[in-house]
C-alpha atoms as a PDB file:
ATOM      1  CA  UNK A   1     -45.630 -41.704 -35.473  1.00  0.00           C
ATOM      2  CA  UNK A   2     -44.127 -38.711 -37.009  1.00  0.00           C
ATOM      3  CA  UNK A   3     -40.804 -36.842 -35.982  1.00  0.00           C
ATOM      4  CA  UNK A   4     -42.557 -33.791 -35.480  1.00  0.00           C
ATOM      5  CA  UNK A   5     -45.222 -35.098 -33.341  1.00  0.00           C
ATOM      6  CA  UNK A   6     -42.643 -37.461 -31.580  1.00  0.00           C
ATOM      7  CA  UNK A   7     -40.688 -34.096 -30.799  1.00  0.00           C
ATOM      8  CA  UNK A   8     -44.197 -32.398 -29.752  1.00  0.00           C
ATOM      9  CA  UNK A   9     -45.154 -34.991 -27.625  1.00  0.00           C
ATOM     10  CA  UNK A  10     -42.231 -34.850 -25.560  1.00  0.00           C
ATOM     11  CA  UNK A  11     -42.407 -30.829 -25.189  1.00  0.00           C
ATOM     12  CA  UNK A  12     -39.661 -29.740 -27.915  1.00  0.00           C
ATOM     13  CA  UNK A  13     -40.380 -27.473 -30.703  1.00  0.00           C
ATOM     14  CA  UNK A  14     -39.299 -28.996 -33.831  1.00  0.00           C
ATOM     15  CA  UNK A  15     -36.416 -28.004 -35.318  1.00  0.00           C
ATOM     16  CA  UNK A  16     -33.357 -29.249 -37.887  1.00  0.00           C
ATOM     17  CA  UNK A  17     -31.042 -29.917 -35.229  1.00  0.00           C
ATOM     18  CA  UNK A  18     -33.890 -31.543 -33.048  1.00  0.00           C
ATOM     19  CA  UNK A  19     -34.901 -33.615 -36.105  1.00  0.00           C
ATOM     20  CA  UNK A  20     -31.270 -34.573 -36.779  1.00  0.00           C
ATOM     21  CA  UNK A  21     -30.860 -35.505 -33.271  1.00  0.00           C
ATOM     22  CA  UNK A  22     -34.188 -37.779 -33.525  1.00  0.00           C
ATOM     23  CA  UNK A  23     -32.705 -39.467 -36.426  1.00  0.00           C
ATOM     24  CA  UNK A  24     -29.567 -40.241 -34.583  1.00  0.00           C
ATOM     25  CA  UNK A  25     -31.508 -41.998 -31.668  1.00  0.00           C
ATOM     26  CA  UNK A  26     -33.794 -43.677 -33.952  1.00  0.00           C
ATOM     27  CA  UNK A  27     -30.475 -45.276 -35.650  1.00  0.00           C
ATOM     28  CA  UNK A  28     -29.232 -45.813 -32.194  1.00  0.00           C
ATOM     29  CA  UNK A  29     -32.335 -47.965 -30.668  1.00  0.00           C
ATOM     30  CA  UNK A  30     -32.944 -51.087 -30.996  1.00  0.00           C
ATOM     31  CA  UNK A  31     -36.227 -51.621 -32.353  1.00  0.00           C
ATOM     32  CA  UNK A  32     -37.167 -48.086 -32.230  1.00  0.00           C
ATOM     33  CA  UNK A  33     -40.168 -48.304 -34.947  1.00  0.00           C
ATOM     34  CA  UNK A  34     -41.839 -50.905 -32.641  1.00  0.00           C
ATOM     35  CA  UNK A  35     -41.137 -49.367 -29.551  1.00  0.00           C
ATOM     36  CA  UNK A  36     -41.264 -45.374 -29.720  1.00  0.00           C
ATOM     37  CA  UNK A  37     -45.369 -45.638 -29.030  1.00  0.00           C
ATOM     38  CA  UNK A  38     -44.655 -47.314 -25.792  1.00  0.00           C
ATOM     39  CA  UNK A  39     -42.251 -44.961 -25.150  1.00  0.00           C
ATOM     40  CA  UNK A  40     -44.760 -42.060 -25.736  1.00  0.00           C
ATOM     41  CA  UNK A  41     -46.820 -43.984 -23.471  1.00  0.00           C
ATOM     42  CA  UNK A  42     -44.716 -44.216 -20.535  1.00  0.00           C
ATOM     43  CA  UNK A  43     -43.999 -40.644 -21.132  1.00  0.00           C
ATOM     44  CA  UNK A  44     -47.566 -39.593 -20.508  1.00  0.00           C
ATOM     45  CA  UNK A  45     -48.034 -42.090 -17.777  1.00  0.00           C
ATOM     46  CA  UNK A  46     -44.724 -40.500 -15.620  1.00  0.00           C
ATOM     47  CA  UNK A  47     -46.068 -37.062 -15.840  1.00  0.00           C
ATOM     48  CA  UNK A  48     -48.418 -38.042 -13.283  1.00  0.00           C
ATOM     49  CA  UNK A  49     -45.145 -38.577 -10.927  1.00  0.00           C
ATOM     50  CA  UNK A  50     -43.210 -35.551 -11.827  1.00  0.00           C
ATOM     51  CA  UNK A  51     -41.031 -37.481 -14.273  1.00  0.00           C
ATOM     52  CA  UNK A  52     -40.807 -37.670 -18.021  1.00  0.00           C
ATOM     53  CA  UNK A  53     -38.807 -38.820 -21.210  1.00  0.00           C
ATOM     54  CA  UNK A  54     -36.802 -36.842 -23.169  1.00  0.00           C
ATOM     55  CA  UNK A  55     -34.041 -36.782 -25.717  1.00  0.00           C
ATOM     56  CA  UNK A  56     -30.360 -37.259 -24.035  1.00  0.00           C
ATOM     57  CA  UNK A  57     -28.160 -34.179 -24.727  1.00  0.00           C
ATOM     58  CA  UNK A  58     -24.936 -36.146 -23.917  1.00  0.00           C
ATOM     59  CA  UNK A  59     -25.987 -39.599 -25.557  1.00  0.00           C
ATOM     60  CA  UNK A  60     -28.359 -40.573 -29.074  1.00  0.00           C
ATOM     61  CA  UNK A  61     -30.884 -41.888 -26.542  1.00  0.00           C
ATOM     62  CA  UNK A  62     -34.227 -41.512 -25.148  1.00  0.00           C
ATOM     63  CA  UNK A  63     -33.743 -40.955 -21.444  1.00  0.00           C
ATOM     64  CA  UNK A  64     -36.267 -41.454 -18.727  1.00  0.00           C
ATOM     65  CA  UNK A  65     -35.381 -38.808 -15.630  1.00  0.00           C
ATOM     66  CA  UNK A  66     -37.105 -39.174 -12.537  1.00  0.00           C
ATOM     67  CA  UNK A  67     -37.886 -35.583 -11.448  1.00  0.00           C
ATOM     68  CA  UNK A  68     -40.114 -36.137  -8.192  1.00  0.00           C
ATOM     69  CA  UNK A  69     -38.648 -35.313  -4.740  1.00  0.00           C
ATOM     70  CA  UNK A  70     -41.113 -37.255  -3.079  1.00  0.00           C
ATOM     71  CA  UNK A  71     -40.159 -40.813  -2.111  1.00  0.00           C
ATOM     72  CA  UNK A  72     -43.609 -42.055  -2.766  1.00  0.00           C
ATOM     73  CA  UNK A  73     -43.636 -40.345  -6.719  1.00  0.00           C
ATOM     74  CA  UNK A  74     -40.098 -42.041  -6.981  1.00  0.00           C
ATOM     75  CA  UNK A  75     -41.517 -45.626  -6.157  1.00  0.00           C
ATOM     76  CA  UNK A  76     -44.257 -45.170  -8.339  1.00  0.00           C
ATOM     77  CA  UNK A  77     -42.080 -43.659 -11.459  1.00  0.00           C
ATOM     78  CA  UNK A  78     -39.664 -46.471 -10.819  1.00  0.00           C
ATOM     79  CA  UNK A  79     -42.446 -49.116 -10.899  1.00  0.00           C
ATOM     80  CA  UNK A  80     -44.070 -47.957 -13.863  1.00  0.00           C
ATOM     81  CA  UNK A  81     -40.480 -47.794 -15.453  1.00  0.00           C
ATOM     82  CA  UNK A  82     -39.619 -51.332 -14.720  1.00  0.00           C
ATOM     83  CA  UNK A  83     -43.334 -52.470 -15.944  1.00  0.00           C
ATOM     84  CA  UNK A  84     -42.279 -50.540 -19.120  1.00  0.00           C
ATOM     85  CA  UNK A  85     -39.194 -52.480 -19.411  1.00  0.00           C
ATOM     86  CA  UNK A  86     -40.512 -55.954 -18.353  1.00  0.00           C
ATOM     87  CA  UNK A  87     -43.938 -55.879 -20.635  1.00  0.00           C
ATOM     88  CA  UNK A  88     -41.929 -54.698 -23.629  1.00  0.00           C
ATOM     89  CA  UNK A  89     -38.555 -56.514 -23.224  1.00  0.00           C
ATOM     90  CA  UNK A  90     -36.671 -52.759 -23.532  1.00  0.00           C
ATOM     91  CA  UNK A  91     -32.970 -52.932 -22.227  1.00  0.00           C
ATOM     92  CA  UNK A  92     -32.527 -50.128 -20.099  1.00  0.00           C
ATOM     93  CA  UNK A  93     -28.993 -48.275 -18.756  1.00  0.00           C
ATOM     94  CA  UNK A  94     -29.068 -46.806 -15.243  1.00  0.00           C
ATOM     95  CA  UNK A  95     -26.814 -43.983 -15.109  1.00  0.00           C
ATOM     96  CA  UNK A  96     -24.543 -43.948 -12.303  1.00  0.00           C
ATOM     97  CA  UNK A  97     -25.839 -41.599  -9.462  1.00  0.00           C
ATOM     98  CA  UNK A  98     -28.819 -39.987 -11.148  1.00  0.00           C
ATOM     99  CA  UNK A  99     -32.075 -41.353 -11.050  1.00  0.00           C
ATOM    100  CA  UNK A 100     -31.900 -41.448 -14.709  1.00  0.00           C
ATOM    101  CA  UNK A 101     -32.163 -44.472 -17.469  1.00  0.00           C
ATOM    102  CA  UNK A 102     -30.919 -44.717 -21.256  1.00  0.00           C
ATOM    103  CA  UNK A 103     -33.617 -46.590 -23.454  1.00  0.00           C
ATOM    104  CA  UNK A 104     -31.252 -48.771 -25.416  1.00  0.00           C
ATOM    105  CA  UNK A 105     -33.771 -50.671 -27.165  1.00  0.00           C
ATOM    106  CA  UNK A 106     -35.217 -54.310 -27.304  1.00  0.00           C
ATOM    107  CA  UNK A 107     -33.532 -56.188 -24.958  1.00  0.00           C
ATOM    108  CA  UNK A 108     -31.072 -59.189 -26.702  1.00  0.00           C
END
């Protein structure tokens, strides 16, 4: 997938700064090329639960954000996230006190 396609799918308007940020995420995410399609698929699957994948503003990783206030929606989103991590052997880092995870890449 091209950077422009990834940015568009995540809802960003591509520009130089976002391209550079995405390049840092690519370099920082172990096995990026093999899992980026699955990350985009997860983003699409999470939309029904009012959750999403985005680029983190504070770290050079994709973040997965559970943004629903519904307990059922949160549980559904968490189930999809855990299934993604288990199926593709992706390491996630939970952000303390927030319904957010960083995608670190393939588990070692």
